[in-house]
Protein backbone atom coordinates (compact mmCIF):
# COMPACT_ATOMS: atom_id res chain seq x y z
CA MET A 1 21.47 -71.96 113.13
CA ARG A 2 18.47 -74.18 113.69
CA ILE A 3 19.04 -76.38 110.67
CA VAL A 4 20.89 -79.50 111.77
CA ASN A 5 22.05 -80.31 108.25
CA SER A 6 23.97 -77.06 107.92
CA LEU A 7 25.53 -77.59 111.33
CA ILE A 8 26.67 -81.10 110.37
CA ILE A 9 28.28 -79.80 107.17
CA SER A 10 30.07 -77.06 109.11
CA ILE A 11 31.48 -79.58 111.60
CA ILE A 12 32.72 -81.84 108.79
CA ILE A 13 34.47 -78.92 107.07
CA ALA A 14 36.08 -77.72 110.31
CA ALA A 15 37.31 -81.24 111.10
CA LEU A 16 38.77 -81.96 107.69
CA PHE A 17 40.33 -78.58 106.88
CA PRO A 18 43.67 -79.20 108.73
CA ALA A 19 44.18 -82.36 106.66
CA ILE A 20 44.08 -80.36 103.45
CA LEU A 21 47.53 -78.91 104.01
CA PHE A 22 49.12 -82.34 104.32
CA CYS A 23 47.45 -84.33 101.52
CA GLN A 24 50.22 -85.41 99.16
CA VAL A 25 50.49 -87.52 96.03
CA ASP A 26 52.45 -90.72 96.58
CA GLU A 27 56.07 -90.29 95.51
CA GLU A 28 56.99 -91.96 92.26
CA ASP A 29 59.81 -94.39 91.91
CA GLU A 30 63.15 -92.57 91.70
CA PHE A 31 64.19 -94.16 88.43
CA ASP A 32 60.82 -93.46 86.77
CA ARG A 33 61.13 -89.80 87.71
CA LEU A 34 64.48 -89.64 85.91
CA LEU A 35 62.85 -90.73 82.67
CA ARG A 36 59.53 -88.90 83.13
CA ASP A 37 58.85 -85.24 83.48
CA GLU A 38 55.44 -83.82 84.39
CA VAL A 39 55.09 -80.39 82.84
CA GLU A 40 52.27 -77.86 82.90
CA VAL A 41 50.21 -77.47 79.76
CA GLU A 42 50.74 -74.01 78.35
CA ASP A 43 47.45 -72.08 78.13
CA PRO A 44 45.09 -75.05 78.69
CA VAL A 45 41.57 -74.66 77.36
CA TYR A 46 38.95 -75.05 80.08
CA LYS A 47 35.46 -76.16 79.07
CA PRO A 48 32.30 -75.89 81.22
CA VAL A 49 32.00 -78.34 84.10
CA VAL A 50 28.59 -79.93 84.70
CA ALA A 51 27.41 -80.88 88.18
CA PHE A 52 24.29 -82.41 89.66
CA GLY A 53 23.32 -83.48 93.14
CA ILE A 54 20.80 -83.70 95.94
CA GLY A 55 20.41 -82.04 99.32
CA SER A 56 17.94 -80.61 101.80
CA PHE A 57 16.38 -77.18 102.30
CA GLY A 58 15.97 -75.56 105.68
CA TYR A 59 13.82 -72.52 106.48
CA MET A 60 14.66 -69.60 108.81
CA GLY A 61 11.96 -66.95 109.23
CA ASP A 62 9.06 -65.72 111.30
CA VAL A 63 7.38 -69.10 111.73
CA THR A 64 9.41 -70.79 114.44
CA ASP A 65 9.68 -74.45 113.60
CA PHE A 66 7.98 -76.54 116.27
CA TYR A 67 9.69 -79.76 115.13
CA GLY A 68 13.08 -78.35 114.23
CA GLY A 69 16.18 -80.01 112.84
CA LEU A 70 15.86 -82.87 110.40
CA TRP A 71 12.08 -83.02 110.77
CA SER A 72 11.73 -79.68 109.01
CA SER A 73 14.20 -80.45 106.24
CA GLN A 74 12.82 -80.84 102.75
CA PRO A 75 14.53 -82.56 99.80
CA GLY A 76 16.04 -80.43 97.06
CA TYR A 77 17.94 -80.84 93.82
CA LYS A 78 20.74 -78.85 92.26
CA ILE A 79 22.17 -78.51 88.75
CA ASN A 80 25.33 -76.45 88.29
CA ILE A 81 27.36 -75.38 85.25
CA SER A 82 30.69 -73.71 85.95
CA THR A 83 33.63 -72.31 84.01
CA PHE A 84 37.13 -71.54 85.25
CA LEU A 85 38.37 -67.97 85.00
CA ASP A 86 42.12 -68.55 85.35
CA ARG A 87 44.64 -71.26 84.49
CA ARG A 88 45.38 -72.05 88.15
CA ARG A 89 41.68 -72.73 88.73
CA ASN A 90 41.51 -70.33 91.68
CA TYR A 91 38.36 -68.64 90.43
CA ARG A 92 35.30 -69.80 88.58
CA LEU A 93 31.83 -68.65 87.69
CA ASN A 94 28.83 -70.87 88.49
CA PHE A 95 25.35 -70.86 87.01
CA PHE A 96 23.01 -72.96 89.12
CA MET A 97 19.40 -74.03 89.52
CA LEU A 98 17.77 -75.24 92.73
CA TYR A 99 14.41 -76.90 93.13
CA GLY A 100 12.73 -78.09 96.30
CA ARG A 101 10.45 -77.11 99.18
CA LEU A 102 10.55 -74.90 102.25
CA THR A 103 8.31 -75.63 105.22
CA GLY A 104 7.64 -74.29 108.68
CA ASN A 105 5.35 -75.41 111.50
CA GLU A 106 4.79 -73.44 114.72
CA ARG A 107 2.65 -74.78 117.60
CA SER A 108 1.75 -72.70 120.66
CA PHE A 109 -0.27 -73.85 123.70
CA THR A 110 -0.87 -70.31 124.98
CA ASP A 111 -1.16 -68.05 121.94
CA PRO A 112 -3.71 -69.23 119.32
CA SER A 113 -2.27 -66.77 116.78
CA ARG A 114 1.02 -68.72 116.76
CA ASN A 115 -0.41 -71.98 115.43
CA LEU A 116 1.07 -71.38 112.00
CA ASN A 117 2.26 -73.55 109.19
CA PHE A 118 3.20 -73.22 105.56
CA ARG A 119 4.89 -75.09 102.72
CA SER A 120 6.27 -73.51 99.57
CA GLU A 121 7.72 -74.96 96.42
CA ILE A 122 10.78 -72.99 95.37
CA ILE A 123 12.65 -72.76 92.09
CA ASN A 124 15.87 -70.80 92.05
CA PHE A 125 18.24 -69.53 89.33
CA GLY A 126 21.48 -67.77 90.15
CA LEU A 127 25.10 -66.90 89.48
CA ASN A 128 27.93 -66.94 91.97
CA PHE A 129 31.63 -66.19 91.98
CA GLU A 130 33.71 -68.96 93.56
CA TYR A 131 37.18 -68.86 95.10
CA THR A 132 39.36 -71.87 95.92
CA PHE A 133 42.70 -71.91 97.69
CA ASN A 134 44.85 -73.50 94.98
CA HIS A 135 47.67 -70.97 95.20
CA LEU A 136 47.96 -71.52 98.98
CA LEU A 137 47.75 -75.31 99.09
CA ARG A 138 50.02 -78.03 97.80
CA PRO A 139 49.34 -79.46 94.33
CA GLY A 140 48.08 -83.01 93.97
CA ARG A 141 45.96 -82.89 97.13
CA LEU A 142 42.70 -84.81 97.40
CA ILE A 143 40.74 -82.12 99.24
CA THR A 144 40.09 -78.51 98.23
CA PRO A 145 37.98 -75.99 100.19
CA PHE A 146 35.95 -73.28 98.50
CA VAL A 147 33.78 -70.26 99.26
CA SER A 148 31.44 -68.34 96.97
CA ALA A 149 28.89 -65.54 96.86
CA GLY A 150 26.52 -64.34 94.18
CA LEU A 151 23.06 -63.18 93.21
CA GLU A 152 19.94 -65.20 92.48
CA SER A 153 16.24 -64.92 91.79
CA PHE A 154 13.68 -67.37 93.10
CA GLN A 155 9.96 -67.98 92.89
CA PHE A 156 7.85 -69.28 95.74
CA ASN A 157 4.17 -70.19 96.19
CA SER A 158 3.32 -70.62 99.86
CA LYS A 159 0.34 -72.67 100.98
CA ALA A 160 -0.96 -73.68 104.41
CA ASP A 161 -2.71 -76.66 105.98
CA LEU A 162 -5.70 -74.92 107.60
CA LEU A 163 -8.57 -77.39 107.00
CA ASP A 164 -9.22 -80.95 108.08
CA ASP A 165 -10.45 -83.76 105.86
CA GLU A 166 -14.04 -82.45 106.18
CA GLY A 167 -13.03 -78.97 105.08
CA ASN A 168 -13.40 -77.44 108.56
CA PRO A 169 -10.76 -75.15 110.13
CA TYR A 170 -8.49 -76.66 112.76
CA LYS A 171 -9.18 -75.54 116.36
CA TYR A 172 -6.06 -75.61 118.54
CA TRP A 173 -6.62 -76.20 122.26
CA SER A 174 -4.31 -75.32 125.12
CA ASP A 175 -4.00 -78.98 126.08
CA GLY A 176 -2.14 -79.59 122.83
CA THR A 177 -4.99 -81.21 120.94
CA ILE A 178 -6.57 -80.14 117.68
CA ARG A 179 -10.38 -80.28 117.57
CA ASN A 180 -13.29 -79.38 115.37
CA VAL A 181 -14.77 -76.89 117.88
CA ALA A 182 -13.04 -73.93 119.55
CA GLU A 183 -12.00 -74.34 123.18
CA ASN A 184 -14.10 -71.34 124.32
CA SER A 185 -17.20 -72.39 122.37
CA PRO A 186 -20.45 -73.26 124.25
CA HIS A 187 -20.37 -76.54 122.34
CA ALA A 188 -16.81 -77.37 123.40
CA HIS A 189 -18.07 -80.41 125.26
CA GLU A 190 -19.26 -81.84 121.96
CA SER A 191 -15.84 -81.45 120.26
CA ILE A 192 -13.88 -84.32 118.84
CA ILE A 193 -10.13 -84.59 118.36
CA VAL A 194 -8.86 -84.38 114.80
CA GLN A 195 -5.42 -84.80 113.32
CA ARG A 196 -3.66 -82.59 110.83
CA ASN A 197 -3.67 -84.20 107.40
CA TYR A 198 -0.69 -82.16 106.15
CA VAL A 199 -2.49 -81.37 102.93
CA TYR A 200 -1.49 -77.78 102.18
CA GLU A 201 -4.70 -76.78 100.48
CA THR A 202 -4.92 -73.02 101.13
CA ASP A 203 -3.03 -70.56 98.93
CA LEU A 204 -1.87 -68.00 101.48
CA ARG A 205 -1.57 -65.03 99.11
CA SER A 206 -5.05 -65.61 97.71
CA ALA A 207 -6.50 -66.13 101.19
CA ASN A 208 -5.12 -62.71 102.28
CA LEU A 209 -5.43 -63.67 105.96
CA TYR A 210 -3.60 -60.62 107.27
CA GLY A 211 -4.46 -58.00 104.66
CA MET A 212 -1.07 -58.16 102.90
CA GLY A 213 -2.71 -58.07 99.47
CA ASN A 214 -1.33 -59.47 96.24
CA TYR A 215 2.38 -59.40 97.19
CA PRO A 216 5.01 -60.55 94.65
CA GLN A 217 6.15 -64.15 94.79
CA LEU A 218 9.31 -63.50 92.77
CA ALA A 219 12.24 -62.24 94.82
CA PHE A 220 16.02 -61.91 94.86
CA ALA A 221 18.60 -63.26 97.30
CA ILE A 222 22.33 -63.30 98.00
CA PRO A 223 23.65 -66.88 98.35
CA VAL A 224 26.80 -67.52 100.38
CA ASP A 225 28.23 -70.97 99.80
CA TYR A 226 31.07 -72.93 101.39
CA GLY A 227 32.31 -76.51 101.42
CA ILE A 228 34.93 -79.02 100.33
CA ASP A 229 35.71 -80.72 97.02
CA PHE A 230 36.98 -84.32 97.11
CA ARG A 231 38.98 -85.34 94.04
CA ILE A 232 37.79 -88.74 92.83
CA SER A 233 39.77 -88.57 89.58
CA ASP A 234 41.28 -85.96 87.28
CA ARG A 235 37.84 -85.46 85.74
CA VAL A 236 35.43 -86.11 88.62
CA ASN A 237 35.00 -84.27 91.93
CA MET A 238 32.53 -84.80 94.74
CA ARG A 239 31.44 -81.63 96.53
CA VAL A 240 29.99 -81.45 100.05
CA GLY A 241 28.70 -77.99 100.79
CA SER A 242 26.15 -75.75 102.42
CA SER A 243 24.70 -72.39 101.42
CA ILE A 244 22.78 -69.65 103.22
CA HIS A 245 20.38 -67.59 101.08
CA PHE A 246 19.73 -64.07 102.37
CA THR A 247 16.51 -63.04 100.64
CA PHE A 248 15.03 -59.61 99.97
CA THR A 249 11.51 -60.67 100.96
CA ASP A 250 9.75 -61.34 104.26
CA MET A 251 6.73 -63.07 102.73
CA ILE A 252 7.85 -66.63 102.08
CA ASP A 253 5.99 -67.71 105.24
CA ASN A 254 3.19 -65.13 104.72
CA ILE A 255 4.21 -63.37 107.97
CA SER A 256 5.75 -59.91 108.01
CA SER A 257 6.62 -57.24 110.52
CA GLY A 258 3.79 -55.12 109.06
CA ILE A 259 1.07 -57.44 110.35
CA ALA A 260 -0.65 -56.14 113.46
CA GLY A 261 -1.12 -58.52 116.36
CA ILE A 262 1.41 -61.12 115.16
CA GLU A 263 4.95 -60.98 116.46
CA SER A 264 7.75 -61.23 113.87
CA ASN A 265 11.52 -61.10 114.00
CA LYS A 266 11.83 -57.90 111.89
CA ARG A 267 14.21 -59.63 109.46
CA ASN A 268 13.74 -60.91 105.94
CA ASP A 269 13.26 -64.62 105.56
CA ARG A 270 16.24 -66.85 104.86
CA PHE A 271 16.76 -70.44 103.87
CA SER A 272 19.66 -72.89 103.71
CA TYR A 273 20.59 -75.68 101.34
CA SER A 274 23.00 -78.50 102.32
CA TYR A 275 24.02 -80.79 99.50
CA VAL A 276 26.27 -83.33 97.85
CA THR A 277 27.05 -82.85 94.14
CA PHE A 278 29.24 -84.56 91.55
CA HIS A 279 31.21 -82.37 89.13
CA LEU A 280 32.19 -83.80 85.73
CA ASP A 281 34.98 -82.03 83.82
CA LEU A 282 34.88 -84.09 80.64
CA PHE A 283 36.21 -81.77 77.97
CA SER A 284 38.87 -79.43 79.44
CA ASP A 285 42.56 -79.77 78.61
CA PRO A 286 44.64 -81.49 81.33
CA GLU A 287 46.62 -79.18 83.59
CA THR A 288 49.79 -81.24 83.19
CA ILE A 289 51.15 -83.88 80.84
CA VAL A 290 53.88 -86.48 81.40
CA VAL A 291 56.78 -86.30 78.96
CA GLU A 292 58.91 -89.44 78.66
CA ARG A 293 62.58 -88.82 77.98
CA LEU A 294 65.16 -91.17 76.44
CA TYR A 295 68.06 -89.02 77.68
CA ALA A 296 67.23 -87.18 80.86
CA ASP A 297 70.12 -84.70 80.58
CA VAL A 298 70.36 -84.05 76.83
CA ASP A 299 68.67 -81.15 75.06
CA PHE A 300 67.05 -82.51 71.93
CA ASP A 301 67.70 -80.79 68.61
CA TYR A 302 64.51 -81.09 66.58
CA THR A 303 66.37 -80.34 63.34
CA LEU A 304 67.68 -83.92 63.59
CA ILE A 305 64.27 -85.33 62.63
CA GLU A 306 64.06 -83.60 59.27
CA ASP A 307 63.89 -85.81 56.16
CA GLU A 308 64.70 -83.67 53.17
CA ASP A 309 64.62 -86.43 50.52
CA GLY A 310 61.50 -88.04 51.96
CA ASP A 311 62.89 -91.58 52.07
CA GLY A 312 61.78 -92.22 55.67
CA VAL A 313 65.26 -91.87 57.21
CA PHE A 314 66.02 -88.71 59.18
CA ASP A 315 68.73 -86.51 57.71
CA PHE A 316 70.91 -87.01 60.78
CA TRP A 317 71.12 -90.76 60.06
CA ASP A 318 70.89 -90.55 56.25
CA LEU A 319 74.19 -91.53 54.56
CA CYS A 320 72.64 -90.91 51.15
CA PRO A 321 70.76 -87.62 51.58
CA ASN A 322 69.64 -87.14 47.95
CA THR A 323 67.88 -90.42 47.20
CA PRO A 324 65.51 -90.05 44.22
CA PRO A 325 61.78 -90.14 45.07
CA GLY A 326 60.20 -93.59 45.36
CA VAL A 327 63.46 -95.53 45.62
CA GLU A 328 63.58 -98.27 48.28
CA VAL A 329 66.28 -97.57 50.87
CA ASP A 330 67.98 -99.45 53.73
CA GLU A 331 68.29 -98.33 57.36
CA PHE A 332 71.00 -95.85 56.39
CA GLY A 333 68.88 -94.12 53.79
CA CYS A 334 70.86 -95.58 50.88
CA PRO A 335 69.18 -97.27 47.88
CA VAL A 336 68.89 -101.05 48.24
CA ASP A 337 71.53 -103.14 46.43
CA SER A 338 70.11 -106.68 46.45
CA ASP A 339 73.02 -108.44 44.76
CA GLY A 340 75.70 -106.47 46.61
CA ASP A 341 77.60 -105.42 43.49
CA GLY A 342 77.82 -101.76 44.50
CA VAL A 343 75.17 -100.57 42.05
CA PRO A 344 71.71 -99.83 43.58
CA ASP A 345 68.75 -101.80 42.29
CA TYR A 346 67.07 -98.83 40.59
CA ARG A 347 70.16 -98.43 38.35
CA ASP A 348 71.21 -102.09 38.12
CA LEU A 349 70.66 -103.53 34.62
CA GLU A 350 71.86 -106.95 35.81
CA PRO A 351 70.18 -107.42 39.21
CA ASN A 352 71.49 -110.95 39.99
CA THR A 353 75.25 -110.53 39.58
CA ARG A 354 77.15 -113.45 41.15
CA PRO A 355 78.99 -112.65 44.39
CA GLY A 356 82.47 -111.12 44.02
CA ALA A 357 82.11 -110.33 40.32
CA PHE A 358 83.41 -107.08 38.88
CA VAL A 359 80.71 -104.89 37.36
CA ASP A 360 80.53 -101.71 35.34
CA GLU A 361 78.59 -98.58 36.31
CA HIS A 362 75.32 -100.20 35.19
CA GLY A 363 75.77 -103.29 37.36
CA ARG A 364 76.66 -105.60 34.46
CA GLU A 365 79.36 -108.22 35.12
CA ILE A 366 82.80 -107.69 33.58
CA THR A 367 84.33 -111.03 32.54
CA HIS A 368 87.96 -111.88 33.20
CA GLU A 369 88.59 -111.87 29.45
CA LYS A 370 87.19 -108.36 29.10
CA LEU A 371 89.07 -107.25 32.21
CA ALA A 372 92.28 -108.73 30.81
CA GLY A 373 91.57 -107.01 27.51
CA LEU A 374 91.21 -103.70 29.27
CA LEU A 375 94.50 -104.26 31.01
CA GLY A 376 96.09 -105.25 27.74
CA GLU A 377 95.18 -101.91 26.23
CA ARG A 378 97.52 -100.16 28.64
CA ASP A 379 100.67 -98.71 27.18
CA ASP A 380 102.83 -100.05 30.00
CA ALA A 381 103.33 -103.68 30.99
CA VAL A 382 101.11 -105.25 33.61
CA ALA A 383 102.74 -107.38 36.28
CA ARG A 384 101.22 -110.71 37.33
CA SER A 385 100.99 -109.41 40.89
CA ASP A 386 98.65 -106.68 39.65
CA LEU A 387 96.42 -109.25 38.03
CA ASP A 388 96.34 -111.33 41.23
CA MET A 389 95.49 -108.20 43.15
CA LEU A 390 92.63 -107.39 40.81
CA ALA A 391 91.25 -110.92 41.11
CA THR A 392 91.00 -110.66 44.90
CA LEU A 393 90.10 -106.98 45.21
CA PRO A 394 86.65 -106.60 46.89
CA ALA A 395 83.97 -104.69 45.12
CA TYR A 396 82.82 -101.37 46.59
CA ARG A 397 79.37 -99.88 46.98
CA TYR A 398 78.61 -96.75 45.06
CA ASP A 399 78.55 -94.79 48.36
CA GLY A 400 82.16 -95.75 49.10
CA ARG A 401 81.60 -98.48 51.73
CA PRO A 402 83.11 -101.93 51.08
CA LEU A 403 80.78 -104.85 50.44
CA ARG A 404 82.71 -106.93 52.96
CA SER A 405 83.53 -105.03 56.13
CA TYR A 406 86.46 -105.78 58.36
CA ASP A 407 86.22 -106.28 62.13
CA GLY A 408 87.46 -102.91 63.32
CA ILE A 409 85.11 -102.71 66.31
CA PRO A 410 86.79 -101.72 69.60
CA GLN A 411 87.13 -104.62 72.02
CA LYS A 412 84.57 -103.28 74.54
CA PHE A 413 81.91 -102.98 71.82
CA ARG A 414 82.43 -106.31 70.04
CA SER A 415 79.82 -108.07 72.15
CA LEU A 416 77.25 -105.63 70.73
CA ASP A 417 77.85 -106.97 67.19
CA VAL A 418 75.05 -109.53 67.50
CA ASP A 419 75.16 -110.82 63.91
CA GLY A 420 78.99 -110.96 63.88
CA ASP A 421 79.37 -109.06 60.61
CA GLY A 422 82.08 -106.79 61.99
CA PHE A 423 79.76 -103.79 61.75
CA ILE A 424 77.58 -102.03 64.36
CA SER A 425 74.22 -101.60 62.69
CA PHE A 426 71.53 -99.08 63.61
CA GLU A 427 69.43 -101.80 65.25
CA GLU A 428 72.42 -102.96 67.28
CA LEU A 429 73.06 -99.35 68.42
CA ILE A 430 69.45 -98.89 69.58
CA ARG A 431 69.54 -102.29 71.32
CA ALA A 432 72.68 -101.23 73.22
CA ILE A 433 71.05 -97.97 74.34
CA ASP A 434 67.94 -99.84 75.57
CA LEU A 435 70.11 -102.31 77.54
CA PHE A 436 72.04 -99.41 79.06
CA PHE A 437 68.88 -97.70 80.36
CA ASP A 438 67.55 -101.04 81.62
CA GLY A 439 70.72 -101.45 83.66
CA LYS A 440 71.71 -104.62 81.78
CA LEU A 441 74.84 -103.29 80.04
CA ASP A 442 78.17 -102.83 81.79
CA LEU A 443 78.97 -99.52 80.10
CA THR A 444 79.12 -95.94 81.29
CA ALA A 445 77.35 -92.93 79.80
CA GLU A 446 80.66 -91.90 78.25
CA ASP A 447 80.91 -95.32 76.61
CA ILE A 448 77.44 -94.83 75.06
CA TYR A 449 78.51 -91.50 73.60
CA GLU A 450 81.69 -93.17 72.29
CA LEU A 451 79.63 -95.99 70.76
CA ASN A 452 77.45 -93.41 69.04
CA ASP A 453 80.53 -91.68 67.58
CA PHE A 454 81.98 -95.02 66.40
CA PHE A 455 78.70 -95.91 64.67
CA PHE A 456 78.87 -92.80 62.50
CA SER A 457 82.58 -93.24 61.82
CA GLN A 458 82.20 -96.74 60.31
């Protein structure tokens, strides 16, 4: 291949390809991996990916480039829209547009017919089918190769630089100079040297220099593309690639095998495009998500997060599962009892009962006189010890729990009773679990399960 750009891209790809198999994502911390799980998204939705970039065109045809390499390269621009065809992103379909120029310059010191040049603006629209190697390579790599092939149509409009600044044809001499008079002219001694102005003023099809007539300037081609994608982030890739375009026309340079007296290579014209593009995947679903787990080895039962009475406390924790709508509840899902008399506020007709007082079912205080009167109405005698017992008997909540708890916490859990009320609250349970997973609590996993059972048995 005469185009240096394409050769450079090929060398880069060949040099970097072995590294693809060994590119790995840095290993996460062992403890973090116990509490995090990266899972694939089921049936992710892939949206079109937009790409844009720049590159250079190279021409390969009947006009042998006198300068060659980078000197003959012309700038070009590419816009690409692609969509993935499978969830593993092995295949995708690309719609692309190319715009730029092709040029060729041939200089001969022995054959005047080979002093040829042309330049053509080219606009190209096409589709190609792309294949990556995702199922063969390790996930999380930074480099991904690709190949593609497709079909495209392009339009060209070739022009030539045949006239000098005075509008006179160039005369090429065997000594390498360009003059205003032919070398075999009787007035050759009067010639002056001129320079090409590289103004491509002559439309080659309209000039009909070789009798080719009004040939079409719209043609088709098969593009073959290859390169490497570099992952910059989950949403941005940089692509370095090169494509060869095998056209179905031999008239881009206005030279064809059907022209008598001018040697051609008997093949259709071709061109290359070497480029760098940036691909932005802004709207597709992620391939994987990270799920954080509180218990790494426990299957979670989602029925535990139901809240049938709608009081904001899950049924699994709710000690009062049928709270009326709109009633304020505590952390256990039971209606709030502000004065602690065992009657919830929404039913309490005497909301500020003094501590330790006996109350009736409506939360109203029962005086000692009334209590004694009730005892006096009994048919049997009442012993003084019974009266003393009644005077010191603690009141009970309507849900059956005593207002004043006793310290029945096992010895190894007593340090978890932060407020010292002899009761492991929900907040104290959650705090203990957090300390356990932070490695700041001298308890085993079995102890945590035992603590959980004790909490619900209180």
